[in-house]
Amino acid sequence: MLHHLLHRLGSTGGLARSLLVYWRPGRQKSLQRLYQPFIQPGDIAFDIGAHLGDRSAAFHALGARVIALEPQPELAKWFQRIVRHPTVTLLPLAAGPEPGFADIAISSRHPTLSTLALNWREHIGERNESFRQVRWEQQLRVPVTTLDQLIEQYGEPSFIKIDVEGFEADVLAGLSQPVAALSVEFVTGALEVGCACVARLETLGDYRFNAIAGEQRHFHWPTWQTPETIIDWFSAQADGLASGDLYACRVDHPVVGRCD
């Protein structure tokens, strides 16, 4: 499948690079192993910032009904070509603190770095050299929903993946009820976003946290950590990790207390 899609895209460009990274052989099985403790057959899963659908595909393979959000039209088009199943619903929306419309800044060379977070976009290149060559050449007005609205329409998810380039805390601002488990991306140079996510979740329920570095598939700590520990960790620059995902589970979740 990957060879066929790359042929249709051509050998260069941001989308081709994304296909090579996110749809390389073996990746799906490792994603399914990662998410299996959080998603059981018949569950609902939200994929916020779905990109080319690799996480949605893993959720579907575990038996979930998937609600995926991807506001970039070109990415949404390719998502639909790659991930086709009646139990996967792709919505051409962004998520945020309130419903309405917002401007997404799009990088054609790095479409995975397109963002609604204006302050993040303006300063991330100063704070993280990996972003210094990134340019956001166009803006697109997109409709915005909230996690609360998605839950009202589709039901409560067992897991929410949020990867929206510095807009993660804004997405959580649109959630007013605790959910079982979720993940948010963090990146060096904007670790205050991770702190804001932890603070928001503290207002919703009693959560414990763990992290995964980059695209790895194992947790950073052998036990799940308190909010205070994670805030201190981010304040100490997250052990120098360039990026990763912070996982949050309600304290009564079966996964808390063990790491595979």
Protein backbone atom coordinates (compact mmCIF):
# COMPACT_ATOMS: atom_id res chain seq x y z
CA MET A 1 0.00 0.00 0.00
CA LEU A 2 2.79 2.45 0.92
CA HIS A 3 4.54 2.04 -2.45
CA HIS A 4 1.25 2.64 -4.29
CA LEU A 5 0.48 5.80 -2.28
CA LEU A 6 3.98 7.20 -2.70
CA HIS A 7 3.73 6.63 -6.43
CA ARG A 8 0.50 8.64 -6.53
CA LEU A 9 2.05 11.45 -4.46
CA GLY A 10 5.42 11.56 -6.15
CA SER A 11 8.71 11.01 -4.39
CA THR A 12 9.06 14.41 -2.72
CA GLY A 13 7.05 16.76 -0.56
CA GLY A 14 5.68 16.90 2.94
CA LEU A 15 2.92 14.35 2.41
CA ALA A 16 5.33 11.79 1.00
CA ARG A 17 7.60 12.22 4.03
CA SER A 18 4.62 11.81 6.34
CA LEU A 19 3.60 8.60 4.59
CA LEU A 20 7.10 7.20 5.03
CA VAL A 21 7.11 8.05 8.74
CA TYR A 22 3.57 7.19 9.77
CA TRP A 23 2.81 4.27 7.47
CA ARG A 24 6.11 2.42 7.45
CA PRO A 25 5.86 -1.39 7.69
CA GLY A 26 5.33 -2.74 11.19
CA ARG A 27 4.17 0.54 12.69
CA GLN A 28 0.50 -0.43 12.89
CA LYS A 29 1.14 -3.52 14.99
CA SER A 30 3.24 -1.54 17.46
CA LEU A 31 0.54 1.14 17.72
CA GLN A 32 -2.08 -1.49 18.40
CA ARG A 33 0.03 -2.95 21.21
CA LEU A 34 0.45 0.52 22.69
CA TYR A 35 -3.26 1.39 22.70
CA GLN A 36 -4.70 -2.02 23.59
CA PRO A 37 -4.78 -1.29 27.37
CA PHE A 38 -6.89 1.82 26.68
CA ILE A 39 -9.26 0.62 23.95
CA GLN A 40 -11.51 -2.43 24.00
CA PRO A 41 -13.84 -3.68 21.24
CA GLY A 42 -16.96 -1.52 21.08
CA ASP A 43 -15.31 1.52 22.70
CA ILE A 44 -15.34 5.01 21.22
CA ALA A 45 -12.01 6.73 20.49
CA PHE A 46 -11.35 10.31 19.39
CA ASP A 47 -8.38 11.18 17.15
CA ILE A 48 -7.90 14.95 17.35
CA GLY A 49 -5.39 16.05 14.72
CA ALA A 50 -5.69 12.84 12.74
CA HIS A 51 -3.17 13.73 10.01
CA LEU A 52 -2.91 10.67 7.71
CA GLY A 53 -4.89 8.39 9.99
CA ASP A 54 -2.28 6.03 11.43
CA ARG A 55 -3.67 6.31 14.98
CA SER A 56 -7.26 6.08 13.75
CA ALA A 57 -6.39 2.90 11.91
CA ALA A 58 -4.90 1.41 15.08
CA PHE A 59 -7.98 2.38 17.11
CA HIS A 60 -10.20 0.77 14.48
CA ALA A 61 -8.11 -2.41 14.47
CA LEU A 62 -8.71 -2.68 18.22
CA GLY A 63 -12.45 -2.62 17.63
CA ALA A 64 -13.22 1.00 18.43
CA ARG A 65 -15.66 3.32 16.76
CA VAL A 66 -13.39 6.19 15.75
CA ILE A 67 -14.22 9.88 15.50
CA ALA A 68 -11.30 11.60 13.74
CA LEU A 69 -10.80 15.34 13.22
CA GLU A 70 -8.56 16.70 10.46
CA PRO A 71 -9.21 20.25 9.22
CA GLN A 72 -6.56 20.29 6.48
CA PRO A 73 -8.35 19.37 3.22
CA GLU A 74 -5.34 17.72 1.57
CA LEU A 75 -4.63 15.54 4.59
CA ALA A 76 -8.32 14.69 4.97
CA LYS A 77 -8.41 13.57 1.34
CA TRP A 78 -5.51 11.18 1.87
CA PHE A 79 -6.93 9.98 5.20
CA GLN A 80 -10.07 8.91 3.38
CA ARG A 81 -8.04 7.04 0.78
CA ILE A 82 -6.02 5.17 3.41
CA VAL A 83 -8.49 4.58 6.26
CA ARG A 84 -11.85 3.42 4.93
CA HIS A 85 -14.33 1.74 7.21
CA PRO A 86 -17.92 2.47 8.29
CA THR A 87 -16.86 2.68 11.94
CA VAL A 88 -14.32 5.43 11.23
CA THR A 89 -15.87 8.89 10.92
CA LEU A 90 -13.64 11.68 9.60
CA LEU A 91 -14.80 15.23 10.34
CA PRO A 92 -13.23 18.24 8.54
CA LEU A 93 -13.06 20.16 11.81
CA ALA A 94 -10.60 21.46 14.37
CA ALA A 95 -11.21 21.22 18.11
CA GLY A 96 -10.87 24.14 20.48
CA PRO A 97 -12.16 25.85 23.61
CA GLU A 98 -15.45 26.87 22.02
CA PRO A 99 -17.34 26.27 18.79
CA GLY A 100 -16.89 28.68 15.92
CA PHE A 101 -14.16 29.29 13.37
CA ALA A 102 -10.39 29.76 13.56
CA ASP A 103 -7.42 30.19 11.25
CA ILE A 104 -5.06 27.26 10.83
CA ALA A 105 -1.54 28.08 9.63
CA ILE A 106 -0.40 25.42 7.14
CA SER A 107 3.16 24.38 6.32
CA SER A 108 3.24 22.70 2.92
CA ARG A 109 6.65 21.12 3.53
CA HIS A 110 5.74 20.01 7.05
CA PRO A 111 1.96 19.49 7.11
CA THR A 112 2.14 17.70 10.45
CA LEU A 113 3.27 21.03 11.98
CA SER A 114 0.24 23.03 10.83
CA THR A 115 -1.33 24.74 13.82
CA LEU A 116 -4.05 26.97 15.24
CA ALA A 117 -1.73 28.15 18.05
CA LEU A 118 -0.56 31.63 17.04
CA ASN A 119 1.76 32.24 20.01
CA TRP A 120 3.30 28.78 19.64
CA ARG A 121 3.94 29.35 15.94
CA GLU A 122 5.51 32.76 16.52
CA HIS A 123 7.98 31.59 19.16
CA ILE A 124 8.70 27.88 18.74
CA GLY A 125 11.48 28.53 16.22
CA GLU A 126 13.28 30.77 18.74
CA ARG A 127 13.09 28.12 21.45
CA ASN A 128 13.60 24.92 19.46
CA GLU A 129 16.15 24.79 16.66
CA SER A 130 14.29 21.91 14.99
CA PHE A 131 11.58 24.39 14.02
CA ARG A 132 13.78 27.23 12.78
CA GLN A 133 13.40 26.32 9.12
CA VAL A 134 9.66 25.68 9.30
CA ARG A 135 7.51 28.16 7.39
CA TRP A 136 3.74 28.44 7.49
CA GLU A 137 2.93 29.77 4.02
CA GLN A 138 -0.86 29.81 4.08
CA GLN A 139 -3.81 30.20 6.37
CA LEU A 140 -7.19 28.58 6.13
CA ARG A 141 -10.37 29.43 8.01
CA VAL A 142 -11.75 26.21 9.48
CA PRO A 143 -14.78 25.29 11.61
CA VAL A 144 -14.10 24.46 15.25
CA THR A 145 -15.98 22.12 17.56
CA THR A 146 -15.30 21.11 21.18
CA LEU A 147 -14.69 17.81 22.92
CA ASP A 148 -17.92 18.39 24.85
CA GLN A 149 -19.86 18.68 21.60
CA LEU A 150 -18.24 15.53 20.21
CA ILE A 151 -19.13 13.62 23.38
CA GLU A 152 -22.70 14.88 23.25
CA GLN A 153 -23.05 13.74 19.64
CA TYR A 154 -21.03 10.51 19.56
CA GLY A 155 -20.73 9.34 23.17
CA GLU A 156 -18.00 9.26 25.80
CA PRO A 157 -14.64 7.97 24.50
CA SER A 158 -12.43 5.52 26.31
CA PHE A 159 -9.42 7.32 24.83
CA ILE A 160 -8.68 10.69 23.21
CA LYS A 161 -5.48 11.32 21.28
CA ILE A 162 -4.68 15.04 20.90
CA ASP A 163 -1.81 16.11 18.64
CA VAL A 164 -2.39 19.68 17.48
CA GLU A 165 0.97 21.47 17.61
CA GLY A 166 0.75 23.69 20.67
CA PHE A 167 -3.05 23.90 20.78
CA GLU A 168 -3.50 20.93 23.14
CA ALA A 169 -4.48 22.96 26.21
CA ASP A 170 -6.99 24.92 24.14
CA VAL A 171 -8.57 21.65 23.03
CA LEU A 172 -8.83 20.50 26.66
CA ALA A 173 -10.47 23.82 27.54
CA GLY A 174 -13.43 22.53 25.53
CA LEU A 175 -13.80 19.52 27.83
CA SER A 176 -15.83 19.91 31.02
CA GLN A 177 -16.02 16.30 32.19
CA PRO A 178 -13.43 13.67 33.06
CA VAL A 179 -12.71 10.94 30.51
CA ALA A 180 -11.00 7.62 31.14
CA ALA A 181 -7.71 8.28 29.34
CA LEU A 182 -6.08 10.58 26.82
CA SER A 183 -2.76 11.73 25.41
CA VAL A 184 -1.41 15.16 24.46
CA GLU A 185 1.74 15.96 22.55
CA PHE A 186 4.56 17.97 24.14
CA VAL A 187 7.64 19.50 22.54
CA THR A 188 10.80 21.20 23.81
CA GLY A 189 10.46 24.97 23.67
CA ALA A 190 6.76 24.88 24.58
CA LEU A 191 6.60 22.67 27.66
CA GLU A 192 4.32 25.21 29.30
CA VAL A 193 1.58 23.77 27.07
CA GLY A 194 2.04 20.42 28.80
CA CYS A 195 1.84 22.12 32.19
CA ALA A 196 -1.40 23.82 31.15
CA CYS A 197 -2.83 20.46 30.07
CA VAL A 198 -2.03 18.92 33.45
CA ALA A 199 -3.58 21.90 35.24
CA ARG A 200 -6.74 21.60 33.17
CA LEU A 201 -7.09 17.89 33.83
CA GLU A 202 -6.65 18.51 37.56
CA THR A 203 -9.84 20.57 37.48
CA LEU A 204 -11.74 17.68 35.86
CA GLY A 205 -10.74 14.69 37.97
CA ASP A 206 -8.05 12.68 39.75
CA TYR A 207 -5.50 11.72 37.08
CA ARG A 208 -2.14 9.99 36.95
CA PHE A 209 0.38 10.54 34.19
CA ASN A 210 3.12 8.89 32.16
CA ALA A 211 5.06 9.85 29.06
CA ILE A 212 6.38 8.33 25.87
CA ALA A 213 9.42 9.87 24.18
CA GLY A 214 9.10 10.70 20.50
CA GLU A 215 7.77 7.77 18.50
CA GLN A 216 8.77 5.13 21.05
CA ARG A 217 6.28 2.57 22.35
CA HIS A 218 7.22 2.26 26.04
CA PHE A 219 6.47 4.47 29.01
CA HIS A 220 9.08 6.71 30.58
CA TRP A 221 8.38 5.62 34.17
CA PRO A 222 7.57 2.18 35.62
CA THR A 223 4.70 3.70 37.63
CA TRP A 224 2.18 6.44 36.90
CA GLN A 225 2.99 9.86 38.28
CA THR A 226 1.08 12.55 40.17
CA PRO A 227 0.23 15.91 38.58
CA GLU A 228 2.77 17.62 40.84
CA THR A 229 5.55 15.32 39.65
CA ILE A 230 4.72 16.01 36.00
CA ILE A 231 4.66 19.78 36.50
CA ASP A 232 8.09 19.57 38.15
CA TRP A 233 9.32 17.33 35.31
CA PHE A 234 8.21 19.79 32.66
CA SER A 235 9.73 22.65 34.66
CA ALA A 236 13.03 20.73 34.64
CA GLN A 237 12.84 20.42 30.82
CA ALA A 238 11.39 16.89 30.70
CA ASP A 239 14.73 15.07 31.01
CA GLY A 240 15.83 16.72 27.78
CA LEU A 241 13.31 14.89 25.60
CA ALA A 242 12.83 16.66 22.28
CA SER A 243 9.17 15.71 22.07
CA GLY A 244 6.71 13.05 23.09
CA ASP A 245 3.22 12.34 24.31
CA LEU A 246 1.92 12.77 27.84
CA TYR A 247 -0.63 10.12 28.79
CA ALA A 248 -3.27 10.77 31.44
CA CYS A 249 -5.49 8.15 33.06
CA ARG A 250 -8.08 8.51 35.76
CA VAL A 251 -6.69 7.12 38.99
CA ASP A 252 -9.19 4.23 38.90
CA HIS A 253 -8.21 3.17 35.36
CA PRO A 254 -6.94 -0.45 35.20
CA VAL A 255 -3.72 0.65 33.47
CA VAL A 256 -2.63 2.82 36.41
CA GLY A 257 -0.10 0.92 38.50
CA ARG A 258 1.34 -1.10 35.63
CA CYS A 259 3.33 -0.33 32.49
CA ASP A 260 3.85 -2.87 29.73
